[in-house]
C-alpha atoms as a PDB file:
ATOM      1  CA  MET A   1     -17.717 -33.982-118.554  1.00  0.00           C
ATOM      2  CA  HIS A   2     -17.621 -30.980-115.826  1.00  0.00           C
ATOM      3  CA  ARG A   3     -16.525 -28.233-118.079  1.00  0.00           C
ATOM      4  CA  PRO A   4     -16.755 -26.703-121.302  1.00  0.00           C
ATOM      5  CA  SER A   5     -14.781 -27.480-124.148  1.00  0.00           C
ATOM      6  CA  GLY A   6     -12.492 -25.218-125.549  1.00  0.00           C
ATOM      7  CA  GLY A   7     -14.345 -21.358-125.449  1.00  0.00           C
ATOM      8  CA  ASP A   8     -17.876 -22.568-125.083  1.00  0.00           C
ATOM      9  CA  ASP A   9     -20.107 -22.835-122.782  1.00  0.00           C
ATOM     10  CA  LEU A  10     -20.632 -25.664-120.700  1.00  0.00           C
ATOM     11  CA  THR A  11     -24.203 -27.515-121.451  1.00  0.00           C
ATOM     12  CA  THR A  12     -26.144 -30.388-120.355  1.00  0.00           C
ATOM     13  CA  ALA A  13     -25.876 -31.843-123.987  1.00  0.00           C
ATOM     14  CA  PRO A  14     -23.418 -34.548-123.344  1.00  0.00           C
ATOM     15  CA  ILE A  15     -24.909 -35.579-120.053  1.00  0.00           C
ATOM     16  CA  LEU A  16     -28.229 -36.238-121.229  1.00  0.00           C
ATOM     17  CA  SER A  17     -26.470 -38.380-123.789  1.00  0.00           C
ATOM     18  CA  TYR A  18     -24.560 -40.497-121.116  1.00  0.00           C
ATOM     19  CA  MET A  19     -27.944 -41.054-119.752  1.00  0.00           C
ATOM     20  CA  ASP A  20     -29.503 -42.362-122.647  1.00  0.00           C
ATOM     21  CA  ALA A  21     -26.313 -44.445-122.933  1.00  0.00           C
ATOM     22  CA  ALA A  22     -26.533 -45.768-119.855  1.00  0.00           C
ATOM     23  CA  LYS A  23     -29.819 -46.778-119.790  1.00  0.00           C
ATOM     24  CA  ALA A  24     -29.981 -48.508-123.201  1.00  0.00           C
ATOM     25  CA  LYS A  25     -27.013 -50.387-121.734  1.00  0.00           C
ATOM     26  CA  GLY A  26     -29.541 -52.524-119.009  1.00  0.00           C
ATOM     27  CA  ASN A  27     -30.566 -48.990-116.969  1.00  0.00           C
ATOM     28  CA  LEU A  28     -27.336 -48.025-115.649  1.00  0.00           C
ATOM     29  CA  SER A  29     -26.844 -45.700-112.771  1.00  0.00           C
ATOM     30  CA  MET A  30     -25.313 -42.693-114.485  1.00  0.00           C
ATOM     31  CA  LEU A  31     -23.138 -39.803-112.221  1.00  0.00           C
ATOM     32  CA  ALA A  32     -22.256 -36.067-113.215  1.00  0.00           C
ATOM     33  CA  THR A  33     -19.615 -34.081-112.400  1.00  0.00           C
ATOM     34  CA  VAL A  34     -19.312 -30.462-111.509  1.00  0.00           C
ATOM     35  CA  SER A  35     -16.053 -28.984-110.948  1.00  0.00           C
ATOM     36  CA  ALA A  36     -15.190 -24.575-110.497  1.00  0.00           C
ATOM     37  CA  PHE A  37     -11.736 -24.082-111.569  1.00  0.00           C
ATOM     38  CA  PHE A  38      -8.912 -25.839-113.292  1.00  0.00           C
ATOM     39  CA  TYR A  39      -5.363 -25.178-114.444  1.00  0.00           C
ATOM     40  CA  VAL A  40      -2.160 -27.203-114.169  1.00  0.00           C
ATOM     41  CA  HIS A  41       1.417 -25.915-114.729  1.00  0.00           C
ATOM     42  CA  ASP A  42       4.217 -28.021-113.578  1.00  0.00           C
ATOM     43  CA  ALA A  43       5.610 -28.960-116.734  1.00  0.00           C
ATOM     44  CA  THR A  44       6.219 -28.095-120.332  1.00  0.00           C
ATOM     45  CA  ASP A  45       4.018 -30.752-121.831  1.00  0.00           C
ATOM     46  CA  ASN A  46       1.188 -30.084-118.545  1.00  0.00           C
ATOM     47  CA  ASN A  47       0.760 -26.989-118.762  1.00  0.00           C
ATOM     48  CA  ARG A  48      -3.372 -25.570-119.566  1.00  0.00           C
ATOM     49  CA  VAL A  49      -5.913 -23.741-118.750  1.00  0.00           C
ATOM     50  CA  LEU A  50      -9.366 -25.097-119.363  1.00  0.00           C
ATOM     51  CA  ARG A  51     -11.979 -22.240-118.697  1.00  0.00           C
ATOM     52  CA  SER A  52     -13.536 -22.067-115.619  1.00  0.00           C
ATOM     53  CA  ASP A  53     -15.419 -18.518-115.961  1.00  0.00           C
ATOM     54  CA  ASP A  54     -19.176 -17.500-116.054  1.00  0.00           C
ATOM     55  CA  TRP A  55     -20.005 -18.604-112.355  1.00  0.00           C
ATOM     56  CA  LEU A  56     -19.077 -22.470-113.443  1.00  0.00           C
ATOM     57  CA  LEU A  57     -19.730 -24.350-110.319  1.00  0.00           C
ATOM     58  CA  PRO A  58     -22.508 -23.091-109.347  1.00  0.00           C
ATOM     59  CA  LYS A  59     -24.184 -22.557-113.117  1.00  0.00           C
ATOM     60  CA  TYR A  60     -23.836 -25.550-113.708  1.00  0.00           C
ATOM     61  CA  TYR A  61     -24.939 -27.355-110.718  1.00  0.00           C
ATOM     62  CA  GLU A  62     -28.112 -25.850-110.382  1.00  0.00           C
ATOM     63  CA  SER A  63     -28.176 -26.451-114.708  1.00  0.00           C
ATOM     64  CA  LEU A  64     -27.625 -30.528-113.336  1.00  0.00           C
ATOM     65  CA  ILE A  65     -30.489 -30.399-110.637  1.00  0.00           C
ATOM     66  CA  GLY A  66     -33.294 -29.254-113.174  1.00  0.00           C
ATOM     67  CA  LEU A  67     -32.636 -31.986-115.946  1.00  0.00           C
ATOM     68  CA  ASP A  68     -35.647 -34.556-115.351  1.00  0.00           C
ATOM     69  CA  PRO A  69     -34.627 -37.126-115.156  1.00  0.00           C
ATOM     70  CA  GLN A  70     -31.749 -35.926-112.909  1.00  0.00           C
ATOM     71  CA  PRO A  71     -28.361 -37.854-112.614  1.00  0.00           C
ATOM     72  CA  ASP A  72     -28.285 -40.544-109.851  1.00  0.00           C
ATOM     73  CA  PHE A  73     -25.652 -39.466-108.643  1.00  0.00           C
ATOM     74  CA  ILE A  74     -22.907 -35.932-108.777  1.00  0.00           C
ATOM     75  CA  GLU A  75     -19.210 -36.184-107.988  1.00  0.00           C
ATOM     76  CA  LEU A  76     -17.615 -33.189-106.753  1.00  0.00           C
ATOM     77  CA  LEU A  77     -14.165 -32.616-108.577  1.00  0.00           C
ATOM     78  CA  THR A  78     -11.996 -33.011-106.346  1.00  0.00           C
ATOM     79  CA  TRP A  79     -11.240 -32.553-102.852  1.00  0.00           C
ATOM     80  CA  ASN A  80      -7.689 -32.269-103.025  1.00  0.00           C
ATOM     81  CA  ASP A  81      -6.815 -32.019-106.463  1.00  0.00           C
ATOM     82  CA  PHE A  82      -3.962 -29.510-106.302  1.00  0.00           C
ATOM     83  CA  GLY A  83      -1.676 -30.184-109.128  1.00  0.00           C
ATOM     84  CA  GLU A  84      -5.233 -29.280-111.528  1.00  0.00           C
ATOM     85  CA  SER A  85      -6.609 -26.135-109.277  1.00  0.00           C
ATOM     86  CA  HIS A  86      -9.526 -27.575-108.885  1.00  0.00           C
ATOM     87  CA  TYR A  87      -9.494 -28.381-104.922  1.00  0.00           C
ATOM     88  CA  LEU A  88     -12.320 -27.696-102.177  1.00  0.00           C
ATOM     89  CA  SER A  89     -10.108 -28.867 -99.673  1.00  0.00           C
ATOM     90  CA  GLY A  90      -6.029 -28.356 -99.493  1.00  0.00           C
ATOM     91  CA  PRO A  91      -3.391 -30.223-100.455  1.00  0.00           C
ATOM     92  CA  ARG A  92      -2.955 -33.076 -98.395  1.00  0.00           C
ATOM     93  CA  ALA A  93       0.695 -32.573 -96.500  1.00  0.00           C
ATOM     94  CA  ASN A  94       1.703 -36.270 -97.875  1.00  0.00           C
ATOM     95  CA  ALA A  95       1.258 -36.019-100.877  1.00  0.00           C
ATOM     96  CA  ASN A  96       4.448 -34.175-101.848  1.00  0.00           C
ATOM     97  CA  PRO A  97       3.530 -31.559-103.850  1.00  0.00           C
ATOM     98  CA  SER A  98       6.118 -30.424-106.167  1.00  0.00           C
ATOM     99  CA  ALA A  99       7.244 -26.858-105.648  1.00  0.00           C
ATOM    100  CA  ALA A 100       5.822 -25.494-109.183  1.00  0.00           C
ATOM    101  CA  MET A 101       2.685 -26.921-108.045  1.00  0.00           C
ATOM    102  CA  LEU A 102       2.671 -24.468-104.501  1.00  0.00           C
ATOM    103  CA  LEU A 103       3.437 -21.551-106.741  1.00  0.00           C
ATOM    104  CA  TYR A 104       0.187 -21.526-108.234  1.00  0.00           C
ATOM    105  CA  ALA A 105      -2.095 -23.779-105.838  1.00  0.00           C
ATOM    106  CA  ASN A 106      -1.877 -23.274-102.066  1.00  0.00           C
ATOM    107  CA  GLU A 107      -4.237 -23.141 -99.315  1.00  0.00           C
ATOM    108  CA  THR A 108      -2.570 -19.453 -98.497  1.00  0.00           C
ATOM    109  CA  ASP A 109      -2.898 -17.586-101.664  1.00  0.00           C
ATOM    110  CA  PHE A 110      -5.234 -19.591-103.195  1.00  0.00           C
ATOM    111  CA  ASN A 111      -7.627 -20.943-100.286  1.00  0.00           C
ATOM    112  CA  HIS A 112     -11.257 -22.182-102.305  1.00  0.00           C
ATOM    113  CA  THR A 113     -12.808 -23.569 -99.116  1.00  0.00           C
ATOM    114  CA  GLY A 114     -15.775 -20.743-100.459  1.00  0.00           C
ATOM    115  CA  MET A 115     -16.305 -22.916-102.853  1.00  0.00           C
ATOM    116  CA  LEU A 116     -17.181 -25.766-100.812  1.00  0.00           C
ATOM    117  CA  ILE A 117     -19.457 -23.845 -98.603  1.00  0.00           C
ATOM    118  CA  LEU A 118     -21.254 -22.074-101.811  1.00  0.00           C
ATOM    119  CA  SER A 119     -21.472 -25.834-102.967  1.00  0.00           C
ATOM    120  CA  SER A 120     -23.663 -27.103 -99.841  1.00  0.00           C
ATOM    121  CA  TYR A 121     -26.099 -25.279-101.146  1.00  0.00           C
ATOM    122  CA  TYR A 122     -26.323 -27.070-104.149  1.00  0.00           C
ATOM    123  CA  ASN A 123     -25.673 -30.394-102.755  1.00  0.00           C
ATOM    124  CA  SER A 124     -28.723 -29.512-100.276  1.00  0.00           C
ATOM    125  CA  TRP A 125     -30.845 -28.940-103.002  1.00  0.00           C
ATOM    126  CA  PHE A 126     -30.182 -32.053-105.338  1.00  0.00           C
ATOM    127  CA  LYS A 127     -30.578 -34.812-102.637  1.00  0.00           C
ATOM    128  CA  THR A 128     -33.685 -32.940-100.533  1.00  0.00           C
ATOM    129  CA  GLY A 129     -35.306 -31.671-103.872  1.00  0.00           C
ATOM    130  CA  ASN A 130     -35.850 -28.241-102.065  1.00  0.00           C
ATOM    131  CA  LYS A 131     -33.724 -25.135-102.042  1.00  0.00           C
ATOM    132  CA  PRO A 132     -32.026 -24.362 -98.753  1.00  0.00           C
ATOM    133  CA  THR A 133     -33.214 -21.241 -96.413  1.00  0.00           C
ATOM    134  CA  ILE A 134     -31.018 -18.737 -96.683  1.00  0.00           C
ATOM    135  CA  GLN A 135     -30.912 -17.278 -92.907  1.00  0.00           C
ATOM    136  CA  GLN A 136     -27.577 -15.166 -93.108  1.00  0.00           C
ATOM    137  CA  GLU A 137     -25.846 -12.683 -95.736  1.00  0.00           C
ATOM    138  CA  THR A 138     -23.149 -14.390 -97.315  1.00  0.00           C
ATOM    139  CA  VAL A 139     -20.894 -13.782-100.053  1.00  0.00           C
ATOM    140  CA  VAL A 140     -18.485 -15.934-101.857  1.00  0.00           C
ATOM    141  CA  TRP A 141     -16.160 -13.812-104.532  1.00  0.00           C
ATOM    142  CA  TRP A 142     -13.227 -15.271-106.766  1.00  0.00           C
ATOM    143  CA  TYR A 143     -10.865 -14.222-109.356  1.00  0.00           C
ATOM    144  CA  ARG A 144      -7.742 -14.584-111.056  1.00  0.00           C
ATOM    145  CA  PRO A 145      -4.473 -12.963-110.234  1.00  0.00           C
ATOM    146  CA  HIS A 146      -3.872 -11.909-113.183  1.00  0.00           C
ATOM    147  CA  LYS A 147      -5.090 -10.736-116.569  1.00  0.00           C
ATOM    148  CA  ALA A 148      -5.238 -14.047-119.097  1.00  0.00           C
ATOM    149  CA  GLY A 149      -2.764 -12.158-121.804  1.00  0.00           C
ATOM    150  CA  ALA A 150      -0.128 -11.133-118.980  1.00  0.00           C
ATOM    151  CA  THR A 151       3.083 -11.478-119.373  1.00  0.00           C
ATOM    152  CA  ALA A 152       4.987 -13.448-116.490  1.00  0.00           C
ATOM    153  CA  THR A 153       8.528 -12.081-115.780  1.00  0.00           C
ATOM    154  CA  SER A 154      10.136 -14.675-114.404  1.00  0.00           C
ATOM    155  CA  ASP A 155       8.611 -18.359-114.750  1.00  0.00           C
ATOM    156  CA  ALA A 156      10.671 -21.395-115.397  1.00  0.00           C
ATOM    157  CA  LEU A 157       7.595 -22.392-118.074  1.00  0.00           C
ATOM    158  CA  PRO A 158       6.504 -20.978-120.493  1.00  0.00           C
ATOM    159  CA  ALA A 159       2.800 -19.677-120.725  1.00  0.00           C
ATOM    160  CA  PRO A 160      -0.053 -22.190-120.748  1.00  0.00           C
ATOM    161  CA  THR A 161      -0.237 -24.108-124.242  1.00  0.00           C
ATOM    162  CA  SER A 162      -4.155 -23.240-124.750  1.00  0.00           C
ATOM    163  CA  GLY A 163      -6.860 -21.971-122.810  1.00  0.00           C
ATOM    164  CA  THR A 164      -5.542 -18.362-122.308  1.00  0.00           C
ATOM    165  CA  ASP A 165      -7.596 -16.648-124.499  1.00  0.00           C
ATOM    166  CA  TRP A 166     -10.714 -18.576-123.637  1.00  0.00           C
ATOM    167  CA  THR A 167     -10.771 -16.879-120.046  1.00  0.00           C
ATOM    168  CA  ASP A 168     -12.040 -13.742-119.201  1.00  0.00           C
ATOM    169  CA  ASP A 169     -10.882 -11.131-116.830  1.00  0.00           C
ATOM    170  CA  LYS A 170     -13.605 -11.102-114.568  1.00  0.00           C
ATOM    171  CA  LEU A 171     -14.135 -10.718-110.761  1.00  0.00           C
ATOM    172  CA  TYR A 172     -17.359 -12.908-109.826  1.00  0.00           C
ATOM    173  CA  ALA A 173     -19.437 -13.636-107.107  1.00  0.00           C
ATOM    174  CA  ALA A 174     -22.494 -15.352-105.185  1.00  0.00           C
ATOM    175  CA  VAL A 175     -24.616 -13.475-103.354  1.00  0.00           C
ATOM    176  CA  LEU A 176     -26.890 -15.368-100.455  1.00  0.00           C
ATOM    177  CA  LEU A 177     -29.504 -13.182 -99.263  1.00  0.00           C
ATOM    178  CA  PRO A 178     -31.510 -14.879 -96.578  1.00  0.00           C
ATOM    179  CA  SER A 179     -35.609 -12.799 -97.292  1.00  0.00           C
ATOM    180  CA  GLY A 180     -36.294  -9.566 -95.613  1.00  0.00           C
ATOM    181  CA  THR A 181     -32.322  -8.803 -95.478  1.00  0.00           C
ATOM    182  CA  LYS A 182     -31.791  -5.338 -95.662  1.00  0.00           C
ATOM    183  CA  ALA A 183     -28.788  -5.850 -98.132  1.00  0.00           C
ATOM    184  CA  LYS A 184     -29.493  -3.820-102.035  1.00  0.00           C
ATOM    185  CA  ASN A 185     -26.528  -3.645-103.362  1.00  0.00           C
ATOM    186  CA  VAL A 186     -23.348  -5.029-104.208  1.00  0.00           C
ATOM    187  CA  ILE A 187     -19.732  -2.744-104.674  1.00  0.00           C
ATOM    188  CA  PHE A 188     -17.145  -4.239-107.099  1.00  0.00           C
ATOM    189  CA  THR A 189     -13.866  -2.099-106.198  1.00  0.00           C
ATOM    190  CA  THR A 190     -11.395  -3.079-108.844  1.00  0.00           C
ATOM    191  CA  GLY A 191      -7.787  -1.315-110.186  1.00  0.00           C
ATOM    192  CA  GLY A 192      -9.910   1.787-108.021  1.00  0.00           C
ATOM    193  CA  THR A 193     -12.755   1.686-109.906  1.00  0.00           C
ATOM    194  CA  SER A 194     -16.713   0.891-108.376  1.00  0.00           C
ATOM    195  CA  THR A 195     -19.071  -0.938-110.324  1.00  0.00           C
ATOM    196  CA  THR A 196     -22.522  -1.184-108.579  1.00  0.00           C
ATOM    197  CA  VAL A 197     -24.978  -4.623-109.272  1.00  0.00           C
ATOM    198  CA  ALA A 198     -28.478  -5.061-107.874  1.00  0.00           C
ATOM    199  CA  VAL A 199     -29.073  -7.630-105.734  1.00  0.00           C
ATOM    200  CA  SER A 200     -32.010  -9.701-104.760  1.00  0.00           C
ATOM    201  CA  ALA A 201     -33.230 -10.706-101.713  1.00  0.00           C
ATOM    202  CA  GLY A 202     -33.854 -14.703-100.794  1.00  0.00           C
ATOM    203  CA  GLU A 203     -31.656 -16.225-103.380  1.00  0.00           C
ATOM    204  CA  VAL A 204     -28.333 -17.058-104.741  1.00  0.00           C
ATOM    205  CA  ASN A 205     -27.424 -13.798-106.795  1.00  0.00           C
ATOM    206  CA  LEU A 206     -24.552 -14.359-109.615  1.00  0.00           C
ATOM    207  CA  VAL A 207     -22.758 -11.036-110.586  1.00  0.00           C
ATOM    208  CA  SER A 208     -19.476  -9.774-111.912  1.00  0.00           C
ATOM    209  CA  THR A 209     -17.744  -7.079-113.355  1.00  0.00           C
ATOM    210  CA  ASP A 210     -14.808  -6.702-115.818  1.00  0.00           C
ATOM    211  CA  PHE A 211     -11.428  -6.504-113.198  1.00  0.00           C
ATOM    212  CA  SER A 212      -8.551  -3.821-113.415  1.00  0.00           C
ATOM    213  CA  THR A 213      -4.914  -4.735-112.174  1.00  0.00           C
ATOM    214  CA  GLY A 214      -4.447  -3.123-108.953  1.00  0.00           C
ATOM    215  CA  THR A 215      -6.390  -3.188-105.550  1.00  0.00           C
ATOM    216  CA  GLN A 216      -9.916  -5.649-105.018  1.00  0.00           C
ATOM    217  CA  SER A 217     -13.012  -5.438-102.898  1.00  0.00           C
ATOM    218  CA  ILE A 218     -16.168  -5.967-102.614  1.00  0.00           C
ATOM    219  CA  ALA A 219     -18.679  -4.796-100.365  1.00  0.00           C
ATOM    220  CA  LEU A 220     -22.481  -5.743 -99.422  1.00  0.00           C
ATOM    221  CA  VAL A 221     -24.844  -2.552 -99.039  1.00  0.00           C
ATOM    222  CA  ASP A 222     -27.739  -1.577 -97.471  1.00  0.00           C
ATOM    223  CA  SER A 223     -29.791   1.117 -99.303  1.00  0.00           C
ATOM    224  CA  SER A 224     -28.158   4.000 -97.863  1.00  0.00           C
ATOM    225  CA  ASN A 225     -24.670   2.500 -98.723  1.00  0.00           C
ATOM    226  CA  ASN A 226     -23.956   0.996 -95.290  1.00  0.00           C
ATOM    227  CA  ASN A 227     -22.008  -1.843 -95.324  1.00  0.00           C
ATOM    228  CA  ILE A 228     -23.368  -5.096 -94.088  1.00  0.00           C
ATOM    229  CA  LEU A 229     -20.226  -7.512 -95.419  1.00  0.00           C
ATOM    230  CA  GLN A 230     -16.646  -6.095 -96.997  1.00  0.00           C
ATOM    231  CA  GLY A 231     -14.272  -7.418 -97.562  1.00  0.00           C
ATOM    232  CA  ASP A 232     -10.423  -6.919 -99.599  1.00  0.00           C
ATOM    233  CA  GLY A 233      -8.407  -9.324-101.874  1.00  0.00           C
ATOM    234  CA  ALA A 234      -5.551  -9.784-103.311  1.00  0.00           C
ATOM    235  CA  ASP A 235      -3.976  -7.066-105.869  1.00  0.00           C
ATOM    236  CA  ILE A 236      -4.292  -8.493-109.459  1.00  0.00           C
ATOM    237  CA  SER A 237      -1.203  -7.855-111.065  1.00  0.00           C
ATOM    238  CA  ASP A 238      -0.198  -6.355-114.770  1.00  0.00           C
ATOM    239  CA  SER A 239       3.525  -8.491-114.836  1.00  0.00           C
ATOM    240  CA  PRO A 240       3.101 -11.651-112.556  1.00  0.00           C
ATOM    241  CA  PRO A 241       6.394 -13.617-111.931  1.00  0.00           C
ATOM    242  CA  ILE A 242       5.037 -16.849-112.715  1.00  0.00           C
ATOM    243  CA  TYR A 243       1.467 -17.666-115.351  1.00  0.00           C
ATOM    244  CA  ASN A 244      -1.304 -18.643-112.670  1.00  0.00           C
ATOM    245  CA  TYR A 245      -4.964 -18.925-114.016  1.00  0.00           C
ATOM    246  CA  ASN A 246      -5.904 -20.137-110.666  1.00  0.00           C
ATOM    247  CA  TYR A 247      -8.133 -18.371-108.480  1.00  0.00           C
ATOM    248  CA  HIS A 248      -8.228 -16.933-105.567  1.00  0.00           C
ATOM    249  CA  CYS A 249     -11.619 -16.951-103.567  1.00  0.00           C
ATOM    250  CA  TYR A 250     -12.999 -15.774-100.607  1.00  0.00           C
ATOM    251  CA  ILE A 251     -15.912 -15.812 -98.615  1.00  0.00           C
ATOM    252  CA  LEU A 252     -17.605 -12.956 -96.142  1.00  0.00           C
ATOM    253  CA  PRO A 253     -17.904 -12.868 -93.383  1.00  0.00           C
ATOM    254  CA  GLU A 254     -14.947 -15.502 -93.168  1.00  0.00           C
ATOM    255  CA  GLY A 255     -15.682 -18.414 -91.071  1.00  0.00           C
ATOM    256  CA  ALA A 256     -19.108 -19.393 -92.730  1.00  0.00           C
ATOM    257  CA  THR A 257     -20.468 -22.877 -92.004  1.00  0.00           C
ATOM    258  CA  PRO A 258     -23.300 -24.129 -94.152  1.00  0.00           C
ATOM    259  CA  GLU A 259     -24.979 -24.719 -90.445  1.00  0.00           C
ATOM    260  CA  SER A 260     -24.350 -20.446 -89.929  1.00  0.00           C
ATOM    261  CA  VAL A 261     -25.708 -19.567 -94.302  1.00  0.00           C
ATOM    262  CA  PHE A 262     -28.361 -21.913 -93.754  1.00  0.00           C
ATOM    263  CA  LEU A 263     -31.524 -22.585 -91.755  1.00  0.00           C
ATOM    264  CA  ASP A 264     -32.255 -26.062 -90.282  1.00  0.00           C
ATOM    265  CA  PHE A 265     -29.311 -27.467 -92.572  1.00  0.00           C
ATOM    266  CA  ALA A 266     -29.566 -30.994 -92.348  1.00  0.00           C
ATOM    267  CA  ALA A 267     -26.278 -32.765 -91.798  1.00  0.00           C
ATOM    268  CA  ALA A 268     -27.062 -35.853 -94.072  1.00  0.00           C
ATOM    269  CA  ALA A 269     -27.242 -32.837 -97.005  1.00  0.00           C
ATOM    270  CA  ARG A 270     -22.992 -32.099 -96.171  1.00  0.00           C
ATOM    271  CA  ILE A 271     -20.388 -33.553 -98.103  1.00  0.00           C
ATOM    272  CA  GLY A 272     -19.821 -36.920 -96.518  1.00  0.00           C
ATOM    273  CA  GLY A 273     -22.913 -36.711 -94.467  1.00  0.00           C
ATOM    274  CA  ASP A 274     -23.983 -39.686 -92.625  1.00  0.00           C
ATOM    275  CA  GLY A 275     -26.958 -40.642 -90.545  1.00  0.00           C
ATOM    276  CA  ALA A 276     -30.646 -40.477 -92.174  1.00  0.00           C
ATOM    277  CA  GLY A 277     -29.194 -39.391 -95.511  1.00  0.00           C
ATOM    278  CA  ASN A 278     -26.487 -41.750 -95.797  1.00  0.00           C
ATOM    279  CA  ALA A 279     -25.117 -40.860 -99.741  1.00  0.00           C
ATOM    280  CA  THR A 280     -24.707 -44.505-100.195  1.00  0.00           C
ATOM    281  CA  ARG A 281     -28.282 -45.653 -99.187  1.00  0.00           C
ATOM    282  CA  GLN A 282     -29.900 -43.179-101.213  1.00  0.00           C
ATOM    283  CA  SER A 283     -30.661 -42.797-105.080  1.00  0.00           C
ATOM    284  CA  ARG A 284     -29.250 -39.387-105.027  1.00  0.00           C
ATOM    285  CA  GLU A 285     -25.847 -38.922-103.853  1.00  0.00           C
ATOM    286  CA  VAL A 286     -23.472 -36.044-103.999  1.00  0.00           C
ATOM    287  CA  ARG A 287     -19.776 -37.086-103.657  1.00  0.00           C
ATOM    288  CA  GLU A 288     -16.485 -35.648-103.836  1.00  0.00           C
ATOM    289  CA  GLU A 289     -13.035 -37.232-105.787  1.00  0.00           C
ATOM    290  CA  THR A 290     -10.398 -37.487-103.781  1.00  0.00           C
ATOM    291  CA  LYS A 291      -7.533 -37.987-106.185  1.00  0.00           C
ATOM    292  CA  VAL A 292      -4.408 -36.387-105.686  1.00  0.00           C
ATOM    293  CA  GLY A 293      -1.764 -35.110-108.387  1.00  0.00           C
ATOM    294  CA  GLY A 294      -3.748 -36.968-111.441  1.00  0.00           C
ATOM    295  CA  ARG A 295      -4.914 -35.799-114.864  1.00  0.00           C
ATOM    296  CA  ASP A 296      -8.465 -35.785-116.022  1.00  0.00           C
END
């Protein structure tokens, strides 16, 4: 259970129930799952949106970390399942993605690497028990390419059969700030209208604003409104050629890595980490699912 059912918020109640059941079956281990996005649109009978709003990946990951007891394992869904839009890396070239899938899920227009970097914060926290120390101002921000109620102009497929009325028209951001930063505010500019949101030092700030069609940008600024980080994203269309409820996802500064963002970042806390923290020998494990093109 890694995303909301219908339009509801995702809670940990199902995970707690599964953990109780696993214990009752002979103290079995429990694997919980975390995902960022979900959208599939490759056939009339495989055409739906599952709600991915409200900073789904960071908020739900943090709620799992806050459980007592915690699940034994957390699995990131997924590494490269491009067909359902929840890939963290890019589609494998030899997976032969269909032309329909590549219209809404590709590394060029819908790169999700920012979510991979953001997940590193929670991976480390879960595996070590301590929040990583942020040493570099970093912004991960994401949004869909058109409004939930938009009508596509030239899609060979109909609108998704479910989910479009559950999703919010918002720009989302996770703003990671070190202690002592000069950053004071985030400024979203969407369709020519700017919204300022205050942020705090030494933590991950989850902020958002309603989006409008047109140009999109974000800036992290100091008390004098000088840019510390600034980035532009793809336009939001009011008449998209196809239905696309996947997410654009960006990271600032471009090229940020876990090692640049977090102080003394342990290799073992990264996805696929090894050495002293070898995931296969720990009571806590973070892993990524590698299925391609399958269904949940």
